[in-house]
């Protein structure tokens, strides 16, 4: 799997959900949330611990789980700030029922897909 396939798969999973992955009663995103939901990065991992939330996005644990699950090391292509920006888009800008990729800034789309949608 390459980075564009990883993001295509994760975005498809994210957009198929009928609700955001967040802690009930808060806006705190969870990698694995209620009713089987996942955040963008949660969709990149096969095994997502139930208690893991986005406070650990910068940790090597998350990046290691994504690499082990997909074979893709995100930091080969993206910077830590890029990952935080993608998480912020999920948390703040993206709404259930709307496409996610168009919200991704052009410079990140170029890094991930090699083009801008």
PDB file of N, CA and C in Angstrom:
ATOM      1  N   UNK A   1       0.857  -1.180   0.000  1.00  0.00           N
ATOM      2  CA  UNK A   1       0.000   0.000   0.000  1.00  0.00           C
ATOM      3  C   UNK A   1       0.901   1.240   0.000  1.00  0.00           C
ATOM      4  N   UNK A   2       0.485   2.266  -0.719  1.00  0.00           N
ATOM      5  CA  UNK A   2       1.231   3.519  -0.688  1.00  0.00           C
ATOM      6  C   UNK A   2       0.400   4.583   0.034  1.00  0.00           C
ATOM      7  N   UNK A   3       0.958   5.771   0.173  1.00  0.00           N
ATOM      8  CA  UNK A   3       0.287   6.804   0.970  1.00  0.00           C
ATOM      9  C   UNK A   3      -1.045   7.234   0.359  1.00  0.00           C
ATOM     10  N   UNK A   4      -1.128   7.330  -0.962  1.00  0.00           N
ATOM     11  CA  UNK A   4      -2.398   7.748  -1.561  1.00  0.00           C
ATOM     12  C   UNK A   4      -3.476   6.686  -1.356  1.00  0.00           C
ATOM     13  N   UNK A   5      -3.113   5.413  -1.463  1.00  0.00           N
ATOM     14  CA  UNK A   5      -4.091   4.341  -1.209  1.00  0.00           C
ATOM     15  C   UNK A   5      -4.526   4.335   0.251  1.00  0.00           C
ATOM     16  N   UNK A   6      -3.584   4.586   1.155  1.00  0.00           N
ATOM     17  CA  UNK A   6      -3.902   4.644   2.582  1.00  0.00           C
ATOM     18  C   UNK A   6      -4.913   5.753   2.854  1.00  0.00           C
ATOM     19  N   UNK A   7      -4.675   6.942   2.301  1.00  0.00           N
ATOM     20  CA  UNK A   7      -5.601   8.053   2.518  1.00  0.00           C
ATOM     21  C   UNK A   7      -6.933   7.819   1.820  1.00  0.00           C
ATOM     22  N   UNK A   8      -6.915   7.258   0.617  1.00  0.00           N
ATOM     23  CA  UNK A   8      -8.180   6.964  -0.069  1.00  0.00           C
ATOM     24  C   UNK A   8      -9.046   6.026   0.767  1.00  0.00           C
ATOM     25  N   UNK A   9      -8.431   4.996   1.318  1.00  0.00           N
ATOM     26  CA  UNK A   9      -9.153   4.020   2.137  1.00  0.00           C
ATOM     27  C   UNK A   9      -9.668   4.663   3.420  1.00  0.00           C
ATOM     28  N   UNK A  10      -8.808   5.441   4.081  1.00  0.00           N
ATOM     29  CA  UNK A  10      -9.202   6.078   5.348  1.00  0.00           C
ATOM     30  C   UNK A  10     -10.320   7.094   5.124  1.00  0.00           C
ATOM     31  N   UNK A  11     -10.213   7.886   4.062  1.00  0.00           N
ATOM     32  CA  UNK A  11     -11.244   8.883   3.784  1.00  0.00           C
ATOM     33  C   UNK A  11     -12.567   8.213   3.431  1.00  0.00           C
ATOM     34  N   UNK A  12     -12.518   7.129   2.675  1.00  0.00           N
ATOM     35  CA  UNK A  12     -13.748   6.399   2.344  1.00  0.00           C
ATOM     36  C   UNK A  12     -14.420   5.884   3.615  1.00  0.00           C
ATOM     37  N   UNK A  13     -13.636   5.357   4.548  1.00  0.00           N
ATOM     38  CA  UNK A  13     -14.187   4.884   5.815  1.00  0.00           C
ATOM     39  C   UNK A  13     -14.773   6.019   6.635  1.00  0.00           C
ATOM     40  N   UNK A  14     -14.072   7.138   6.659  1.00  0.00           N
ATOM     41  CA  UNK A  14     -14.529   8.305   7.400  1.00  0.00           C
ATOM     42  C   UNK A  14     -15.846   8.831   6.840  1.00  0.00           C
ATOM     43  N   UNK A  15     -15.918   8.952   5.518  1.00  0.00           N
ATOM     44  CA  UNK A  15     -17.115   9.502   4.887  1.00  0.00           C
ATOM     45  C   UNK A  15     -18.310   8.552   4.953  1.00  0.00           C
ATOM     46  N   UNK A  16     -18.068   7.282   5.162  1.00  0.00           N
ATOM     47  CA  UNK A  16     -19.159   6.306   5.255  1.00  0.00           C
ATOM     48  C   UNK A  16     -19.849   6.329   6.619  1.00  0.00           C
ATOM     49  N   UNK A  17     -19.232   6.977   7.583  1.00  0.00           N
ATOM     50  CA  UNK A  17     -19.804   7.025   8.931  1.00  0.00           C
ATOM     51  C   UNK A  17     -21.008   7.958   8.995  1.00  0.00           C
ATOM     52  N   UNK A  18     -21.915   7.656   9.899  1.00  0.00           N
ATOM     53  CA  UNK A  18     -23.088   8.502  10.086  1.00  0.00           C
ATOM     54  C   UNK A  18     -22.918   9.471  11.249  1.00  0.00           C
ATOM     55  N   UNK A  19     -21.766   9.422  11.910  1.00  0.00           N
ATOM     56  CA  UNK A  19     -21.446  10.361  12.985  1.00  0.00           C
ATOM     57  C   UNK A  19     -19.935  10.468  13.115  1.00  0.00           C
ATOM     58  N   UNK A  20     -19.491  11.558  13.753  1.00  0.00           N
ATOM     59  CA  UNK A  20     -18.066  11.748  13.993  1.00  0.00           C
ATOM     60  C   UNK A  20     -17.613  10.842  15.130  1.00  0.00           C
ATOM     61  N   UNK A  21     -16.344  10.576  15.144  1.00  0.00           N
ATOM     62  CA  UNK A  21     -15.764   9.781  16.208  1.00  0.00           C
ATOM     63  C   UNK A  21     -15.293  10.710  17.315  1.00  0.00           C
ATOM     64  N   UNK A  22     -16.096  10.848  18.343  1.00  0.00           N
ATOM     65  CA  UNK A  22     -15.726  11.718  19.451  1.00  0.00           C
ATOM     66  C   UNK A  22     -16.298  11.191  20.748  1.00  0.00           C
ATOM     67  N   UNK A  23     -15.685  11.651  21.823  1.00  0.00           N
ATOM     68  CA  UNK A  23     -16.155  11.286  23.145  1.00  0.00           C
ATOM     69  C   UNK A  23     -17.542  11.879  23.348  1.00  0.00           C
ATOM     70  N   UNK A  24     -18.519  11.070  23.752  1.00  0.00           N
ATOM     71  CA  UNK A  24     -19.877  11.606  23.965  1.00  0.00           C
ATOM     72  C   UNK A  24     -19.861  12.822  24.892  1.00  0.00           C
ATOM     73  N   UNK A  25     -20.545  13.879  24.475  1.00  0.00           N
ATOM     74  CA  UNK A  25     -20.652  15.082  25.282  1.00  0.00           C
ATOM     75  C   UNK A  25     -19.493  16.054  25.123  1.00  0.00           C
ATOM     76  N   UNK A  26     -18.508  15.705  24.294  1.00  0.00           N
ATOM     77  CA  UNK A  26     -17.362  16.593  24.070  1.00  0.00           C
ATOM     78  C   UNK A  26     -17.051  16.645  22.584  1.00  0.00           C
ATOM     79  N   UNK A  27     -16.123  17.499  22.232  1.00  0.00           N
ATOM     80  CA  UNK A  27     -15.644  17.552  20.851  1.00  0.00           C
ATOM     81  C   UNK A  27     -14.314  16.826  20.710  1.00  0.00           C
ATOM     82  N   UNK A  28     -13.878  16.121  21.741  1.00  0.00           N
ATOM     83  CA  UNK A  28     -12.594  15.428  21.718  1.00  0.00           C
ATOM     84  C   UNK A  28     -12.678  14.211  20.800  1.00  0.00           C
ATOM     85  N   UNK A  29     -11.950  14.267  19.709  1.00  0.00           N
ATOM     86  CA  UNK A  29     -11.964  13.184  18.736  1.00  0.00           C
ATOM     87  C   UNK A  29     -11.291  11.939  19.312  1.00  0.00           C
ATOM     88  N   UNK A  30     -11.777  10.791  18.887  1.00  0.00           N
ATOM     89  CA  UNK A  30     -11.188   9.523  19.293  1.00  0.00           C
ATOM     90  C   UNK A  30     -10.798   8.730  18.049  1.00  0.00           C
ATOM     91  N   UNK A  31      -9.661   8.031  18.133  1.00  0.00           N
ATOM     92  CA  UNK A  31      -9.270   7.150  17.039  1.00  0.00           C
ATOM     93  C   UNK A  31     -10.331   6.077  16.849  1.00  0.00           C
ATOM     94  N   UNK A  32     -10.848   5.573  17.954  1.00  0.00           N
ATOM     95  CA  UNK A  32     -11.913   4.564  17.940  1.00  0.00           C
ATOM     96  C   UNK A  32     -12.988   5.076  18.878  1.00  0.00           C
ATOM     97  N   UNK A  33     -14.084   5.557  18.298  1.00  0.00           N
ATOM     98  CA  UNK A  33     -15.116   6.182  19.102  1.00  0.00           C
ATOM     99  C   UNK A  33     -16.345   5.317  19.270  1.00  0.00           C
ATOM    100  N   UNK A  34     -17.437   5.944  19.690  1.00  0.00           N
ATOM    101  CA  UNK A  34     -18.679   5.213  19.914  1.00  0.00           C
ATOM    102  C   UNK A  34     -19.262   4.667  18.616  1.00  0.00           C
ATOM    103  N   UNK A  35     -19.992   3.588  18.723  1.00  0.00           N
ATOM    104  CA  UNK A  35     -20.720   2.975  17.605  1.00  0.00           C
ATOM    105  C   UNK A  35     -19.809   2.560  16.453  1.00  0.00           C
ATOM    106  N   UNK A  36     -18.564   2.203  16.771  1.00  0.00           N
ATOM    107  CA  UNK A  36     -17.638   1.729  15.749  1.00  0.00           C
ATOM    108  C   UNK A  36     -17.029   2.819  14.887  1.00  0.00           C
ATOM    109  N   UNK A  37     -17.211   4.074  15.270  1.00  0.00           N
ATOM    110  CA  UNK A  37     -16.645   5.168  14.485  1.00  0.00           C
ATOM    111  C   UNK A  37     -15.138   5.281  14.715  1.00  0.00           C
ATOM    112  N   UNK A  38     -14.470   5.910  13.768  1.00  0.00           N
ATOM    113  CA  UNK A  38     -13.035   6.158  13.867  1.00  0.00           C
ATOM    114  C   UNK A  38     -12.751   7.522  13.264  1.00  0.00           C
ATOM    115  N   UNK A  39     -11.677   8.149  13.734  1.00  0.00           N
ATOM    116  CA  UNK A  39     -11.239   9.380  13.083  1.00  0.00           C
ATOM    117  C   UNK A  39     -10.424   9.008  11.851  1.00  0.00           C
ATOM    118  N   UNK A  40      -9.953   9.994  11.119  1.00  0.00           N
ATOM    119  CA  UNK A  40      -9.184   9.741   9.905  1.00  0.00           C
ATOM    120  C   UNK A  40      -8.026   8.796  10.175  1.00  0.00           C
ATOM    121  N   UNK A  41      -7.253   9.071  11.217  1.00  0.00           N
ATOM    122  CA  UNK A  41      -6.087   8.240  11.515  1.00  0.00           C
ATOM    123  C   UNK A  41      -6.490   6.882  12.072  1.00  0.00           C
ATOM    124  N   UNK A  42      -7.615   6.820  12.746  1.00  0.00           N
ATOM    125  CA  UNK A  42      -8.126   5.543  13.224  1.00  0.00           C
ATOM    126  C   UNK A  42      -8.420   4.592  12.082  1.00  0.00           C
ATOM    127  N   UNK A  43      -8.869   5.144  10.959  1.00  0.00           N
ATOM    128  CA  UNK A  43      -9.137   4.321   9.782  1.00  0.00           C
ATOM    129  C   UNK A  43      -7.852   3.806   9.130  1.00  0.00           C
ATOM    130  N   UNK A  44      -6.724   4.353   9.517  1.00  0.00           N
ATOM    131  CA  UNK A  44      -5.440   3.911   8.960  1.00  0.00           C
ATOM    132  C   UNK A  44      -4.827   2.761   9.746  1.00  0.00           C
ATOM    133  N   UNK A  45      -5.422   2.436  10.879  1.00  0.00           N
ATOM    134  CA  UNK A  45      -4.877   1.398  11.759  1.00  0.00           C
ATOM    135  C   UNK A  45      -5.812   0.211  11.819  1.00  0.00           C
ATOM    136  N   UNK A  46      -5.256  -0.996  11.774  1.00  0.00           N
ATOM    137  CA  UNK A  46      -6.063  -2.209  11.943  1.00  0.00           C
ATOM    138  C   UNK A  46      -6.506  -2.363  13.387  1.00  0.00           C
ATOM    139  N   UNK A  47      -5.582  -2.194  14.307  1.00  0.00           N
ATOM    140  CA  UNK A  47      -5.879  -2.381  15.734  1.00  0.00           C
ATOM    141  C   UNK A  47      -5.854  -1.021  16.410  1.00  0.00           C
ATOM    142  N   UNK A  48      -7.005  -0.564  16.844  1.00  0.00           N
ATOM    143  CA  UNK A  48      -7.111   0.734  17.495  1.00  0.00           C
ATOM    144  C   UNK A  48      -7.577   0.529  18.929  1.00  0.00           C
ATOM    145  N   UNK A  49      -6.712   0.796  19.908  1.00  0.00           N
ATOM    146  CA  UNK A  49      -7.161   0.657  21.303  1.00  0.00           C
ATOM    147  C   UNK A  49      -8.350   1.561  21.593  1.00  0.00           C
ATOM    148  N   UNK A  50      -9.347   1.043  22.280  1.00  0.00           N
ATOM    149  CA  UNK A  50     -10.574   1.779  22.568  1.00  0.00           C
ATOM    150  C   UNK A  50     -10.330   3.097  23.300  1.00  0.00           C
ATOM    151  N   UNK A  51      -9.293   3.158  24.109  1.00  0.00           N
ATOM    152  CA  UNK A  51      -9.073   4.333  24.941  1.00  0.00           C
ATOM    153  C   UNK A  51      -8.183   5.384  24.292  1.00  0.00           C
ATOM    154  N   UNK A  52      -7.727   5.143  23.076  1.00  0.00           N
ATOM    155  CA  UNK A  52      -6.795   6.063  22.444  1.00  0.00           C
ATOM    156  C   UNK A  52      -7.541   7.239  21.831  1.00  0.00           C
ATOM    157  N   UNK A  53      -7.169   8.464  22.210  1.00  0.00           N
ATOM    158  CA  UNK A  53      -7.790   9.648  21.619  1.00  0.00           C
ATOM    159  C   UNK A  53      -6.728  10.505  20.947  1.00  0.00           C
ATOM    160  N   UNK A  54      -7.142  11.606  20.374  1.00  0.00           N
ATOM    161  CA  UNK A  54      -6.229  12.394  19.550  1.00  0.00           C
ATOM    162  C   UNK A  54      -5.171  13.135  20.342  1.00  0.00           C
ATOM    163  N   UNK A  55      -5.213  13.082  21.643  1.00  0.00           N
ATOM    164  CA  UNK A  55      -4.149  13.708  22.419  1.00  0.00           C
ATOM    165  C   UNK A  55      -2.810  13.043  22.151  1.00  0.00           C
ATOM    166  N   UNK A  56      -2.831  11.849  21.581  1.00  0.00           N
ATOM    167  CA  UNK A  56      -1.584  11.126  21.323  1.00  0.00           C
ATOM    168  C   UNK A  56      -1.182  11.155  19.853  1.00  0.00           C
ATOM    169  N   UNK A  57      -1.752  12.057  19.057  1.00  0.00           N
ATOM    170  CA  UNK A  57      -1.475  12.074  17.620  1.00  0.00           C
ATOM    171  C   UNK A  57       0.002  12.247  17.325  1.00  0.00           C
ATOM    172  N   UNK A  58       0.715  13.020  18.093  1.00  0.00           N
ATOM    173  CA  UNK A  58       2.130  13.247  17.835  1.00  0.00           C
ATOM    174  C   UNK A  58       3.018  12.135  18.346  1.00  0.00           C
ATOM    175  N   UNK A  59       2.428  11.171  19.006  1.00  0.00           N
ATOM    176  CA  UNK A  59       3.253  10.128  19.607  1.00  0.00           C
ATOM    177  C   UNK A  59       3.714   9.108  18.579  1.00  0.00           C
ATOM    178  N   UNK A  60       4.840   8.527  18.848  1.00  0.00           N
ATOM    179  CA  UNK A  60       5.380   7.482  17.979  1.00  0.00           C
ATOM    180  C   UNK A  60       4.487   6.251  17.977  1.00  0.00           C
ATOM    181  N   UNK A  61       3.686   6.071  19.027  1.00  0.00           N
ATOM    182  CA  UNK A  61       2.810   4.902  19.108  1.00  0.00           C
ATOM    183  C   UNK A  61       1.821   4.886  17.947  1.00  0.00           C
ATOM    184  N   UNK A  62       1.173   6.014  17.681  1.00  0.00           N
ATOM    185  CA  UNK A  62       0.183   6.092  16.603  1.00  0.00           C
ATOM    186  C   UNK A  62       0.843   5.869  15.254  1.00  0.00           C
ATOM    187  N   UNK A  63       1.957   6.551  15.029  1.00  0.00           N
ATOM    188  CA  UNK A  63       2.647   6.405  13.750  1.00  0.00           C
ATOM    189  C   UNK A  63       3.149   4.976  13.560  1.00  0.00           C
ATOM    190  N   UNK A  64       3.570   4.354  14.644  1.00  0.00           N
ATOM    191  CA  UNK A  64       4.025   2.959  14.576  1.00  0.00           C
ATOM    192  C   UNK A  64       2.855   2.032  14.241  1.00  0.00           C
ATOM    193  N   UNK A  65       1.689   2.249  14.862  1.00  0.00           N
ATOM    194  CA  UNK A  65       0.520   1.421  14.569  1.00  0.00           C
ATOM    195  C   UNK A  65       0.084   1.565  13.111  1.00  0.00           C
ATOM    196  N   UNK A  66       0.123   2.787  12.594  1.00  0.00           N
ATOM    197  CA  UNK A  66      -0.236   3.005  11.190  1.00  0.00           C
ATOM    198  C   UNK A  66       0.765   2.300  10.285  1.00  0.00           C
ATOM    199  N   UNK A  67       2.059   2.429  10.590  1.00  0.00           N
ATOM    200  CA  UNK A  67       3.095   1.780   9.778  1.00  0.00           C
ATOM    201  C   UNK A  67       2.956   0.265   9.821  1.00  0.00           C
ATOM    202  N   UNK A  68       2.698  -0.288  11.006  1.00  0.00           N
ATOM    203  CA  UNK A  68       2.539  -1.738  11.143  1.00  0.00           C
ATOM    204  C   UNK A  68       1.285  -2.233  10.428  1.00  0.00           C
ATOM    205  N   UNK A  69       0.218  -1.449  10.456  1.00  0.00           N
ATOM    206  CA  UNK A  69      -1.038  -1.855   9.838  1.00  0.00           C
ATOM    207  C   UNK A  69      -1.016  -1.740   8.321  1.00  0.00           C
ATOM    208  N   UNK A  70      -0.360  -0.699   7.818  1.00  0.00           N
ATOM    209  CA  UNK A  70      -0.451  -0.393   6.387  1.00  0.00           C
ATOM    210  C   UNK A  70       0.862  -0.544   5.623  1.00  0.00           C
ATOM    211  N   UNK A  71       1.971  -0.528   6.352  1.00  0.00           N
ATOM    212  CA  UNK A  71       3.273  -0.525   5.691  1.00  0.00           C
ATOM    213  C   UNK A  71       3.705   0.865   5.263  1.00  0.00           C
ATOM    214  N   UNK A  72       2.910   1.885   5.584  1.00  0.00           N
ATOM    215  CA  UNK A  72       3.208   3.260   5.190  1.00  0.00           C
ATOM    216  C   UNK A  72       3.723   4.034   6.402  1.00  0.00           C
ATOM    217  N   UNK A  73       4.894   4.642   6.248  1.00  0.00           N
ATOM    218  CA  UNK A  73       5.419   5.539   7.281  1.00  0.00           C
ATOM    219  C   UNK A  73       5.022   6.950   6.867  1.00  0.00           C
ATOM    220  N   UNK A  74       4.045   7.529   7.555  1.00  0.00           N
ATOM    221  CA  UNK A  74       3.532   8.843   7.170  1.00  0.00           C
ATOM    222  C   UNK A  74       4.609   9.917   7.168  1.00  0.00           C
ATOM    223  N   UNK A  75       5.588   9.791   8.069  1.00  0.00           N
ATOM    224  CA  UNK A  75       6.621  10.815   8.151  1.00  0.00           C
ATOM    225  C   UNK A  75       7.638  10.719   7.023  1.00  0.00           C
ATOM    226  N   UNK A  76       7.523   9.703   6.164  1.00  0.00           N
ATOM    227  CA  UNK A  76       8.341   9.676   4.952  1.00  0.00           C
ATOM    228  C   UNK A  76       7.870  10.746   3.975  1.00  0.00           C
ATOM    229  N   UNK A  77       6.594  11.137   4.077  1.00  0.00           N
ATOM    230  CA  UNK A  77       5.999  12.092   3.138  1.00  0.00           C
ATOM    231  C   UNK A  77       5.514  13.366   3.824  1.00  0.00           C
ATOM    232  N   UNK A  78       4.948  13.227   5.003  1.00  0.00           N
ATOM    233  CA  UNK A  78       4.339  14.349   5.709  1.00  0.00           C
ATOM    234  C   UNK A  78       5.155  14.739   6.932  1.00  0.00           C
ATOM    235  N   UNK A  79       5.006  15.970   7.355  1.00  0.00           N
ATOM    236  CA  UNK A  79       5.632  16.457   8.585  1.00  0.00           C
ATOM    237  C   UNK A  79       4.618  16.322   9.722  1.00  0.00           C
ATOM    238  N   UNK A  80       5.109  16.397  10.944  1.00  0.00           N
ATOM    239  CA  UNK A  80       4.217  16.327  12.105  1.00  0.00           C
ATOM    240  C   UNK A  80       3.155  17.424  12.030  1.00  0.00           C
ATOM    241  N   UNK A  81       3.531  18.613  11.581  1.00  0.00           N
ATOM    242  CA  UNK A  81       2.570  19.716  11.468  1.00  0.00           C
ATOM    243  C   UNK A  81       1.484  19.395  10.441  1.00  0.00           C
ATOM    244  N   UNK A  82       1.843  18.652   9.390  1.00  0.00           N
ATOM    245  CA  UNK A  82       0.842  18.234   8.398  1.00  0.00           C
ATOM    246  C   UNK A  82      -0.185  17.307   9.034  1.00  0.00           C
ATOM    247  N   UNK A  83       0.283  16.394   9.869  1.00  0.00           N
ATOM    248  CA  UNK A  83      -0.618  15.445  10.529  1.00  0.00           C
ATOM    249  C   UNK A  83      -1.561  16.169  11.480  1.00  0.00           C
ATOM    250  N   UNK A  84      -1.030  17.141  12.210  1.00  0.00           N
ATOM    251  CA  UNK A  84      -1.864  17.932  13.117  1.00  0.00           C
ATOM    252  C   UNK A  84      -2.903  18.722  12.316  1.00  0.00           C
ATOM    253  N   UNK A  85      -2.502  19.283  11.180  1.00  0.00           N
ATOM    254  CA  UNK A  85      -3.442  20.028  10.335  1.00  0.00           C
ATOM    255  C   UNK A  85      -4.563  19.123   9.842  1.00  0.00           C
ATOM    256  N   UNK A  86      -4.230  17.901   9.434  1.00  0.00           N
ATOM    257  CA  UNK A  86      -5.252  16.952   8.983  1.00  0.00           C
ATOM    258  C   UNK A  86      -6.212  16.597  10.110  1.00  0.00           C
ATOM    259  N   UNK A  87      -5.675  16.427  11.317  1.00  0.00           N
ATOM    260  CA  UNK A  87      -6.532  16.130  12.459  1.00  0.00           C
ATOM    261  C   UNK A  87      -7.446  17.310  12.756  1.00  0.00           C
ATOM    262  N   UNK A  88      -6.912  18.530  12.663  1.00  0.00           N
ATOM    263  CA  UNK A  88      -7.732  19.721  12.896  1.00  0.00           C
ATOM    264  C   UNK A  88      -8.862  19.828  11.879  1.00  0.00           C
ATOM    265  N   UNK A  89      -8.576  19.486  10.623  1.00  0.00           N
ATOM    266  CA  UNK A  89      -9.620  19.503   9.597  1.00  0.00           C
ATOM    267  C   UNK A  89     -10.726  18.527   9.980  1.00  0.00           C
ATOM    268  N   UNK A  90     -10.329  17.340  10.451  1.00  0.00           N
ATOM    269  CA  UNK A  90     -11.333  16.356  10.884  1.00  0.00           C
ATOM    270  C   UNK A  90     -12.155  16.898  12.045  1.00  0.00           C
ATOM    271  N   UNK A  91     -11.480  17.465  13.029  1.00  0.00           N
ATOM    272  CA  UNK A  91     -12.159  17.899  14.247  1.00  0.00           C
ATOM    273  C   UNK A  91     -13.053  19.122  14.037  1.00  0.00           C
ATOM    274  N   UNK A  92     -12.603  20.079  13.235  1.00  0.00           N
ATOM    275  CA  UNK A  92     -13.273  21.375  13.149  1.00  0.00           C
ATOM    276  C   UNK A  92     -14.056  21.570  11.851  1.00  0.00           C
ATOM    277  N   UNK A  93     -13.426  21.306  10.723  1.00  0.00           N
ATOM    278  CA  UNK A  93     -14.012  21.680   9.438  1.00  0.00           C
ATOM    279  C   UNK A  93     -14.923  20.627   8.821  1.00  0.00           C
ATOM    280  N   UNK A  94     -14.565  19.354   8.987  1.00  0.00           N
ATOM    281  CA  UNK A  94     -15.324  18.301   8.318  1.00  0.00           C
ATOM    282  C   UNK A  94     -16.633  18.016   9.063  1.00  0.00           C
ATOM    283  N   UNK A  95     -17.686  17.819   8.289  1.00  0.00           N
ATOM    284  CA  UNK A  95     -18.995  17.456   8.829  1.00  0.00           C
ATOM    285  C   UNK A  95     -19.449  16.156   8.184  1.00  0.00           C
ATOM    286  N   UNK A  96     -20.126  15.327   8.937  1.00  0.00           N
ATOM    287  CA  UNK A  96     -20.670  14.077   8.424  1.00  0.00           C
ATOM    288  C   UNK A  96     -21.570  14.383   7.226  1.00  0.00           C
ATOM    289  N   UNK A  97     -21.435  13.589   6.187  1.00  0.00           N
ATOM    290  CA  UNK A  97     -22.238  13.771   4.988  1.00  0.00           C
ATOM    291  C   UNK A  97     -21.569  14.622   3.921  1.00  0.00           C
ATOM    292  N   UNK A  98     -20.391  15.163   4.228  1.00  0.00           N
ATOM    293  CA  UNK A  98     -19.662  15.983   3.269  1.00  0.00           C
ATOM    294  C   UNK A  98     -18.328  15.326   2.932  1.00  0.00           C
ATOM    295  N   UNK A  99     -17.792  15.580   1.732  1.00  0.00           N
ATOM    296  CA  UNK A  99     -16.499  14.998   1.369  1.00  0.00           C
ATOM    297  C   UNK A  99     -15.364  15.613   2.192  1.00  0.00           C
ATOM    298  N   UNK A 100     -14.366  14.798   2.470  1.00  0.00           N
ATOM    299  CA  UNK A 100     -13.238  15.231   3.291  1.00  0.00           C
ATOM    300  C   UNK A 100     -12.082  15.771   2.454  1.00  0.00           C
ATOM    301  N   UNK A 101     -11.757  15.103   1.359  1.00  0.00           N
ATOM    302  CA  UNK A 101     -10.559  15.469   0.590  1.00  0.00           C
ATOM    303  C   UNK A 101     -10.543  16.935   0.137  1.00  0.00           C
ATOM    304  N   UNK A 102     -11.659  17.507  -0.334  1.00  0.00           N
ATOM    305  CA  UNK A 102     -11.606  18.912  -0.762  1.00  0.00           C
ATOM    306  C   UNK A 102     -11.210  19.886   0.352  1.00  0.00           C
ATOM    307  N   UNK A 103     -11.345  19.482   1.605  1.00  0.00           N
ATOM    308  CA  UNK A 103     -10.961  20.340   2.729  1.00  0.00           C
ATOM    309  C   UNK A 103      -9.453  20.346   2.968  1.00  0.00           C
ATOM    310  N   UNK A 104      -8.759  19.367   2.410  1.00  0.00           N
ATOM    311  CA  UNK A 104      -7.314  19.255   2.607  1.00  0.00           C
ATOM    312  C   UNK A 104      -6.618  20.309   1.755  1.00  0.00           C
ATOM    313  N   UNK A 105      -5.743  21.123   2.361  1.00  0.00           N
ATOM    314  CA  UNK A 105      -5.049  22.161   1.594  1.00  0.00           C
ATOM    315  C   UNK A 105      -4.272  21.569   0.414  1.00  0.00           C
ATOM    316  N   UNK A 106      -4.171  22.342  -0.653  1.00  0.00           N
ATOM    317  CA  UNK A 106      -3.528  21.892  -1.884  1.00  0.00           C
ATOM    318  C   UNK A 106      -2.118  21.357  -1.686  1.00  0.00           C
ATOM    319  N   UNK A 107      -1.320  22.007  -0.823  1.00  0.00           N
ATOM    320  CA  UNK A 107       0.062  21.528  -0.645  1.00  0.00           C
ATOM    321  C   UNK A 107       0.098  20.135  -0.014  1.00  0.00           C
ATOM    322  N   UNK A 108      -0.893  19.806   0.815  1.00  0.00           N
ATOM    323  CA  UNK A 108      -0.954  18.455   1.394  1.00  0.00           C
ATOM    324  C   UNK A 108      -1.508  17.459   0.381  1.00  0.00           C
ATOM    325  N   UNK A 109      -2.472  17.894  -0.440  1.00  0.00           N
ATOM    326  CA  UNK A 109      -2.966  17.006  -1.495  1.00  0.00           C
ATOM    327  C   UNK A 109      -1.831  16.629  -2.444  1.00  0.00           C
ATOM    328  N   UNK A 110      -0.957  17.586  -2.749  1.00  0.00           N
ATOM    329  CA  UNK A 110       0.186  17.288  -3.614  1.00  0.00           C
ATOM    330  C   UNK A 110       1.105  16.249  -2.982  1.00  0.00           C
ATOM    331  N   UNK A 111       1.344  16.366  -1.673  1.00  0.00           N
ATOM    332  CA  UNK A 111       2.197  15.403  -0.984  1.00  0.00           C
ATOM    333  C   UNK A 111       1.580  14.012  -0.960  1.00  0.00           C
ATOM    334  N   UNK A 112       0.263  13.944  -0.790  1.00  0.00           N
ATOM    335  CA  UNK A 112      -0.418  12.659  -0.643  1.00  0.00           C
ATOM    336  C   UNK A 112      -0.732  12.023  -2.000  1.00  0.00           C
ATOM    337  N   UNK A 113      -1.331  12.791  -2.909  1.00  0.00           N
ATOM    338  CA  UNK A 113      -1.808  12.231  -4.174  1.00  0.00           C
ATOM    339  C   UNK A 113      -1.018  12.679  -5.404  1.00  0.00           C
ATOM    340  N   UNK A 114      -0.200  13.704  -5.239  1.00  0.00           N
ATOM    341  CA  UNK A 114       0.552  14.203  -6.381  1.00  0.00           C
ATOM    342  C   UNK A 114      -0.248  15.151  -7.254  1.00  0.00           C
ATOM    343  N   UNK A 115      -1.474  15.488  -6.828  1.00  0.00           N
ATOM    344  CA  UNK A 115      -2.313  16.441  -7.550  1.00  0.00           C
ATOM    345  C   UNK A 115      -3.231  17.139  -6.569  1.00  0.00           C
ATOM    346  N   UNK A 116      -3.943  18.103  -7.067  1.00  0.00           N
ATOM    347  CA  UNK A 116      -4.909  18.847  -6.242  1.00  0.00           C
ATOM    348  C   UNK A 116      -6.280  18.629  -6.839  1.00  0.00           C
ATOM    349  N   UNK A 117      -7.233  18.259  -5.995  1.00  0.00           N
ATOM    350  CA  UNK A 117      -8.601  17.995  -6.455  1.00  0.00           C
ATOM    351  C   UNK A 117      -9.364  19.290  -6.594  1.00  0.00           C
TER     352      UNK A 117
END
